[in-house]
Amino acid sequence: TLPAKALAAARGSRVAMIFQEPMTCLN
């Protein structure tokens, strides 16, 4: 239920995620 700005701040600084296939996640 976090507002979009607060959610963006939490992602990365408080909680982060890594995925199965790096080539689909890296630019």
PDB file of all heavy atoms in Angstrom:
ATOM      1  N   THR A   1       0.809  -1.224   0.000  1.00  0.00           N
ATOM      2  CA  THR A   1       0.000   0.000   0.000  1.00  0.00           C
ATOM      3  C   THR A   1       0.843   1.275   0.000  1.00  0.00           C
ATOM      4  O   THR A   1       0.284   2.372   0.052  1.00  0.00           O
ATOM      5  CB  THR A   1      -0.940   0.018   1.220  1.00  0.00           C
ATOM      6  OG1 THR A   1      -0.171  -0.049   2.433  1.00  0.00           O
ATOM      7  CG2 THR A   1      -1.908  -1.159   1.185  1.00  0.00           C
ATOM      8  N   LEU A   2       2.167   1.148  -0.042  1.00  0.00           N
ATOM      9  CA  LEU A   2       3.016   2.336  -0.046  1.00  0.00           C
ATOM     10  C   LEU A   2       2.746   3.189  -1.283  1.00  0.00           C
ATOM     11  O   LEU A   2       2.563   2.657  -2.381  1.00  0.00           O
ATOM     12  CB  LEU A   2       4.489   1.946  -0.050  1.00  0.00           C
ATOM     13  CG  LEU A   2       5.150   1.504   1.268  1.00  0.00           C
ATOM     14  CD1 LEU A   2       6.614   1.221   1.017  1.00  0.00           C
ATOM     15  CD2 LEU A   2       4.985   2.544   2.344  1.00  0.00           C
ATOM     16  N   PRO A   3       2.727   4.509  -1.143  1.00  0.00           N
ATOM     17  CA  PRO A   3       2.668   5.365  -2.328  1.00  0.00           C
ATOM     18  C   PRO A   3       3.874   5.112  -3.227  1.00  0.00           C
ATOM     19  O   PRO A   3       4.920   4.647  -2.768  1.00  0.00           O
ATOM     20  CB  PRO A   3       2.708   6.790  -1.736  1.00  0.00           C
ATOM     21  CG  PRO A   3       2.262   6.627  -0.320  1.00  0.00           C
ATOM     22  CD  PRO A   3       2.727   5.270   0.111  1.00  0.00           C
ATOM     23  N   ALA A   4       3.733   5.434  -4.501  1.00  0.00           N
ATOM     24  CA  ALA A   4       4.763   5.111  -5.493  1.00  0.00           C
ATOM     25  C   ALA A   4       6.129   5.673  -5.117  1.00  0.00           C
ATOM     26  O   ALA A   4       7.154   4.989  -5.257  1.00  0.00           O
ATOM     27  CB  ALA A   4       4.339   5.627  -6.864  1.00  0.00           C
ATOM     28  N   LYS A   5       6.176   6.891  -4.617  1.00  0.00           N
ATOM     29  CA  LYS A   5       7.463   7.511  -4.277  1.00  0.00           C
ATOM     30  C   LYS A   5       8.128   6.793  -3.111  1.00  0.00           C
ATOM     31  O   LYS A   5       9.341   6.534  -3.134  1.00  0.00           O
ATOM     32  CB  LYS A   5       7.255   8.989  -3.942  1.00  0.00           C
ATOM     33  CG  LYS A   5       8.542   9.761  -3.752  1.00  0.00           C
ATOM     34  CD  LYS A   5       8.269  11.247  -3.568  1.00  0.00           C
ATOM     35  CE  LYS A   5       9.574  12.027  -3.407  1.00  0.00           C
ATOM     36  NZ  LYS A   5       9.331  13.487  -3.221  1.00  0.00           N
ATOM     37  N   ALA A   6       7.335   6.437  -2.098  1.00  0.00           N
ATOM     38  CA  ALA A   6       7.885   5.722  -0.947  1.00  0.00           C
ATOM     39  C   ALA A   6       8.327   4.312  -1.329  1.00  0.00           C
ATOM     40  O   ALA A   6       9.335   3.805  -0.828  1.00  0.00           O
ATOM     41  CB  ALA A   6       6.845   5.668   0.179  1.00  0.00           C
ATOM     42  N   LEU A   7       7.573   3.663  -2.229  1.00  0.00           N
ATOM     43  CA  LEU A   7       7.946   2.332  -2.690  1.00  0.00           C
ATOM     44  C   LEU A   7       9.272   2.375  -3.454  1.00  0.00           C
ATOM     45  O   LEU A   7      10.151   1.526  -3.245  1.00  0.00           O
ATOM     46  CB  LEU A   7       6.849   1.760  -3.578  1.00  0.00           C
ATOM     47  CG  LEU A   7       7.119   0.375  -4.171  1.00  0.00           C
ATOM     48  CD1 LEU A   7       7.208  -0.677  -3.074  1.00  0.00           C
ATOM     49  CD2 LEU A   7       6.027   0.000  -5.177  1.00  0.00           C
ATOM     50  N   ALA A   8       9.433   3.382  -4.320  1.00  0.00           N
ATOM     51  CA  ALA A   8      10.676   3.521  -5.074  1.00  0.00           C
ATOM     52  C   ALA A   8      11.861   3.746  -4.139  1.00  0.00           C
ATOM     53  O   ALA A   8      12.965   3.250  -4.383  1.00  0.00           O
ATOM     54  CB  ALA A   8      10.562   4.668  -6.071  1.00  0.00           C
ATOM     55  N   ALA A   9      11.634   4.483  -3.051  1.00  0.00           N
ATOM     56  CA  ALA A   9      12.702   4.722  -2.081  1.00  0.00           C
ATOM     57  C   ALA A   9      13.058   3.448  -1.323  1.00  0.00           C
ATOM     58  O   ALA A   9      14.230   3.209  -1.002  1.00  0.00           O
ATOM     59  CB  ALA A   9      12.282   5.816  -1.101  1.00  0.00           C
ATOM     60  N   ALA A  10      12.050   2.607  -1.034  1.00  0.00           N
ATOM     61  CA  ALA A  10      12.299   1.365  -0.281  1.00  0.00           C
ATOM     62  C   ALA A  10      13.031   0.339  -1.126  1.00  0.00           C
ATOM     63  O   ALA A  10      13.900  -0.389  -0.632  1.00  0.00           O
ATOM     64  CB  ALA A  10      10.977   0.787   0.226  1.00  0.00           C
ATOM     65  N   ARG A  11      12.697   0.263  -2.410  1.00  0.00           N
ATOM     66  CA  ARG A  11      13.383  -0.675  -3.301  1.00  0.00           C
ATOM     67  C   ARG A  11      14.822  -0.229  -3.483  1.00  0.00           C
ATOM     68  O   ARG A  11      15.092   0.892  -3.890  1.00  0.00           O
ATOM     69  CB  ARG A  11      12.706  -0.720  -4.665  1.00  0.00           C
ATOM     70  CG  ARG A  11      11.349  -1.398  -4.702  1.00  0.00           C
ATOM     71  CD  ARG A  11      10.809  -1.287  -6.109  1.00  0.00           C
ATOM     72  NE  ARG A  11       9.499  -1.863  -6.287  1.00  0.00           N
ATOM     73  CZ  ARG A  11       8.666  -1.514  -7.260  1.00  0.00           C
ATOM     74  NH1 ARG A  11       9.024  -0.565  -8.127  1.00  0.00           N
ATOM     75  NH2 ARG A  11       7.481  -2.083  -7.377  1.00  0.00           N
ATOM     76  N   GLY A  12      15.727  -1.113  -3.205  1.00  0.00           N
ATOM     77  CA  GLY A  12      17.137  -0.790  -3.330  1.00  0.00           C
ATOM     78  C   GLY A  12      17.767  -0.411  -2.013  1.00  0.00           C
ATOM     79  O   GLY A  12      18.803  -0.947  -1.634  1.00  0.00           O
ATOM     80  N   SER A  13      17.132   0.506  -1.269  1.00  0.00           N
ATOM     81  CA  SER A  13      17.711   0.943  -0.004  1.00  0.00           C
ATOM     82  C   SER A  13      17.329   0.029   1.158  1.00  0.00           C
ATOM     83  O   SER A  13      18.134  -0.215   2.056  1.00  0.00           O
ATOM     84  CB  SER A  13      17.274   2.377   0.306  1.00  0.00           C
ATOM     85  OG  SER A  13      15.867   2.448   0.457  1.00  0.00           O
ATOM     86  N   ARG A  14      16.093  -0.488   1.164  1.00  0.00           N
ATOM     87  CA  ARG A  14      15.648  -1.379   2.240  1.00  0.00           C
ATOM     88  C   ARG A  14      15.484  -2.824   1.775  1.00  0.00           C
ATOM     89  O   ARG A  14      15.754  -3.756   2.516  1.00  0.00           O
ATOM     90  CB  ARG A  14      14.320  -0.884   2.840  1.00  0.00           C
ATOM     91  CG  ARG A  14      14.451   0.407   3.627  1.00  0.00           C
ATOM     92  CD  ARG A  14      13.152   0.744   4.324  1.00  0.00           C
ATOM     93  NE  ARG A  14      13.251   1.953   5.110  1.00  0.00           N
ATOM     94  CZ  ARG A  14      13.710   1.995   6.354  1.00  0.00           C
ATOM     95  NH1 ARG A  14      14.104   0.878   6.949  1.00  0.00           N
ATOM     96  NH2 ARG A  14      13.774   3.130   7.018  1.00  0.00           N
ATOM     97  N   VAL A  15      14.996  -3.008   0.577  1.00  0.00           N
ATOM     98  CA  VAL A  15      14.796  -4.353   0.043  1.00  0.00           C
ATOM     99  C   VAL A  15      15.255  -4.363  -1.413  1.00  0.00           C
ATOM    100  O   VAL A  15      14.999  -3.414  -2.157  1.00  0.00           O
ATOM    101  CB  VAL A  15      13.320  -4.795   0.165  1.00  0.00           C
ATOM    102  CG1 VAL A  15      12.375  -3.801  -0.492  1.00  0.00           C
ATOM    103  CG2 VAL A  15      13.107  -6.196  -0.417  1.00  0.00           C
ATOM    104  N   ALA A  16      15.964  -5.408  -1.793  1.00  0.00           N
ATOM    105  CA  ALA A  16      16.466  -5.529  -3.163  1.00  0.00           C
ATOM    106  C   ALA A  16      16.250  -6.953  -3.648  1.00  0.00           C
ATOM    107  O   ALA A  16      16.040  -7.871  -2.853  1.00  0.00           O
ATOM    108  CB  ALA A  16      17.941  -5.153  -3.236  1.00  0.00           C
ATOM    109  N   MET A  17      16.326  -7.132  -4.963  1.00  0.00           N
ATOM    110  CA  MET A  17      16.008  -8.434  -5.542  1.00  0.00           C
ATOM    111  C   MET A  17      16.996  -8.772  -6.640  1.00  0.00           C
ATOM    112  O   MET A  17      17.427  -7.898  -7.400  1.00  0.00           O
ATOM    113  CB  MET A  17      14.579  -8.409  -6.104  1.00  0.00           C
ATOM    114  CG  MET A  17      14.055  -9.753  -6.548  1.00  0.00           C
ATOM    115  SD  MET A  17      12.268  -9.658  -6.848  1.00  0.00           S
ATOM    116  CE  MET A  17      11.923 -11.357  -7.327  1.00  0.00           C
ATOM    117  N   ILE A  18      17.384 -10.054  -6.697  1.00  0.00           N
ATOM    118  CA  ILE A  18      18.180 -10.550  -7.811  1.00  0.00           C
ATOM    119  C   ILE A  18      17.398 -11.668  -8.493  1.00  0.00           C
ATOM    120  O   ILE A  18      16.642 -12.389  -7.849  1.00  0.00           O
ATOM    121  CB  ILE A  18      19.571 -11.033  -7.374  1.00  0.00           C
ATOM    122  CG1 ILE A  18      19.483 -12.084  -6.264  1.00  0.00           C
ATOM    123  CG2 ILE A  18      20.418  -9.866  -6.914  1.00  0.00           C
ATOM    124  CD1 ILE A  18      20.820 -12.642  -5.848  1.00  0.00           C
ATOM    125  N   PHE A  19      17.623 -11.797  -9.804  1.00  0.00           N
ATOM    126  CA  PHE A  19      16.808 -12.688 -10.614  1.00  0.00           C
ATOM    127  C   PHE A  19      17.643 -13.823 -11.191  1.00  0.00           C
ATOM    128  O   PHE A  19      18.864 -13.860 -11.091  1.00  0.00           O
ATOM    129  CB  PHE A  19      16.121 -11.907 -11.734  1.00  0.00           C
ATOM    130  CG  PHE A  19      15.160 -10.863 -11.242  1.00  0.00           C
ATOM    131  CD1 PHE A  19      15.596  -9.577 -10.969  1.00  0.00           C
ATOM    132  CD2 PHE A  19      13.827 -11.178 -11.031  1.00  0.00           C
ATOM    133  CE1 PHE A  19      14.708  -8.612 -10.506  1.00  0.00           C
ATOM    134  CE2 PHE A  19      12.937 -10.217 -10.569  1.00  0.00           C
ATOM    135  CZ  PHE A  19      13.387  -8.940 -10.310  1.00  0.00           C
ATOM    136  N   GLN A  20      16.935 -14.733 -11.844  1.00  0.00           N
ATOM    137  CA  GLN A  20      17.535 -15.963 -12.359  1.00  0.00           C
ATOM    138  C   GLN A  20      18.475 -15.724 -13.540  1.00  0.00           C
ATOM    139  O   GLN A  20      19.541 -16.310 -13.608  1.00  0.00           O
ATOM    140  CB  GLN A  20      16.421 -16.918 -12.766  1.00  0.00           C
ATOM    141  CG  GLN A  20      16.884 -18.216 -13.400  1.00  0.00           C
ATOM    142  CD  GLN A  20      15.722 -19.130 -13.695  1.00  0.00           C
ATOM    143  OE1 GLN A  20      14.653 -19.004 -13.115  1.00  0.00           O
ATOM    144  NE2 GLN A  20      15.912 -20.057 -14.602  1.00  0.00           N
ATOM    145  N   GLU A  21      18.088 -14.864 -14.468  1.00  0.00           N
ATOM    146  CA  GLU A  21      18.843 -14.719 -15.720  1.00  0.00           C
ATOM    147  C   GLU A  21      19.388 -13.294 -15.845  1.00  0.00           C
ATOM    148  O   GLU A  21      18.642 -12.365 -16.171  1.00  0.00           O
ATOM    149  CB  GLU A  21      17.953 -15.053 -16.912  1.00  0.00           C
ATOM    150  CG  GLU A  21      18.644 -14.952 -18.258  1.00  0.00           C
ATOM    151  CD  GLU A  21      20.043 -15.553 -18.268  1.00  0.00           C
ATOM    152  OE1 GLU A  21      20.165 -16.790 -18.159  1.00  0.00           O
ATOM    153  OE2 GLU A  21      21.016 -14.775 -18.364  1.00  0.00           O
ATOM    154  N   PRO A  22      20.675 -13.097 -15.591  1.00  0.00           N
ATOM    155  CA  PRO A  22      21.237 -11.750 -15.613  1.00  0.00           C
ATOM    156  C   PRO A  22      21.067 -11.020 -16.939  1.00  0.00           C
ATOM    157  O   PRO A  22      20.889  -9.795 -16.957  1.00  0.00           O
ATOM    158  CB  PRO A  22      22.727 -11.978 -15.307  1.00  0.00           C
ATOM    159  CG  PRO A  22      22.795 -13.298 -14.631  1.00  0.00           C
ATOM    160  CD  PRO A  22      21.678 -14.107 -15.218  1.00  0.00           C
ATOM    161  N   MET A  23      21.134 -11.732 -18.059  1.00  0.00           N
ATOM    162  CA  MET A  23      21.082 -11.048 -19.351  1.00  0.00           C
ATOM    163  C   MET A  23      19.732 -10.398 -19.624  1.00  0.00           C
ATOM    164  O   MET A  23      19.633  -9.513 -20.479  1.00  0.00           O
ATOM    165  CB  MET A  23      21.439 -12.018 -20.480  1.00  0.00           C
ATOM    166  CG  MET A  23      22.942 -12.309 -20.580  1.00  0.00           C
ATOM    167  SD  MET A  23      23.968 -10.839 -20.762  1.00  0.00           S
ATOM    168  CE  MET A  23      23.716 -10.465 -22.494  1.00  0.00           C
ATOM    169  N   THR A  24      18.685 -10.812 -18.932  1.00  0.00           N
ATOM    170  CA  THR A  24      17.395 -10.144 -19.087  1.00  0.00           C
ATOM    171  C   THR A  24      17.253  -8.970 -18.116  1.00  0.00           C
ATOM    172  O   THR A  24      16.303  -8.194 -18.231  1.00  0.00           O
ATOM    173  CB  THR A  24      16.235 -11.126 -18.864  1.00  0.00           C
ATOM    174  OG1 THR A  24      16.267 -11.595 -17.513  1.00  0.00           O
ATOM    175  CG2 THR A  24      16.329 -12.306 -19.812  1.00  0.00           C
ATOM    176  N   CYS A  25      18.172  -8.845 -17.165  1.00  0.00           N
ATOM    177  CA  CYS A  25      18.082  -7.787 -16.152  1.00  0.00           C
ATOM    178  C   CYS A  25      19.104  -6.680 -16.364  1.00  0.00           C
ATOM    179  O   CYS A  25      18.899  -5.558 -15.900  1.00  0.00           O
ATOM    180  CB  CYS A  25      18.288  -8.384 -14.754  1.00  0.00           C
ATOM    181  SG  CYS A  25      17.139  -9.696 -14.335  1.00  0.00           S
ATOM    182  N   LEU A  26      20.210  -7.003 -17.035  1.00  0.00           N
ATOM    183  CA  LEU A  26      21.254  -6.016 -17.262  1.00  0.00           C
ATOM    184  C   LEU A  26      21.048  -5.336 -18.617  1.00  0.00           C
ATOM    185  O   LEU A  26      20.696  -5.986 -19.594  1.00  0.00           O
ATOM    186  CB  LEU A  26      22.630  -6.690 -17.225  1.00  0.00           C
ATOM    187  CG  LEU A  26      23.052  -7.272 -15.869  1.00  0.00           C
ATOM    188  CD1 LEU A  26      24.323  -8.095 -16.011  1.00  0.00           C
ATOM    189  CD2 LEU A  26      23.234  -6.170 -14.845  1.00  0.00           C
ATOM    190  N   ASN A  27      21.293  -4.044 -18.653  1.00  0.00           N
ATOM    191  CA  ASN A  27      21.173  -3.270 -19.892  1.00  0.00           C
ATOM    192  C   ASN A  27      22.375  -3.570 -20.781  1.00  0.00           C
ATOM    193  O   ASN A  27      23.518  -3.322 -20.387  1.00  0.00           O
ATOM    194  CB  ASN A  27      21.124  -1.778 -19.554  1.00  0.00           C
ATOM    195  CG  ASN A  27      20.788  -0.918 -20.760  1.00  0.00           C
ATOM    196  OD1 ASN A  27      21.118  -1.263 -21.889  1.00  0.00           O
ATOM    197  ND2 ASN A  27      20.145   0.212 -20.519  1.00  0.00           N
TER     198      ASN A  27
END
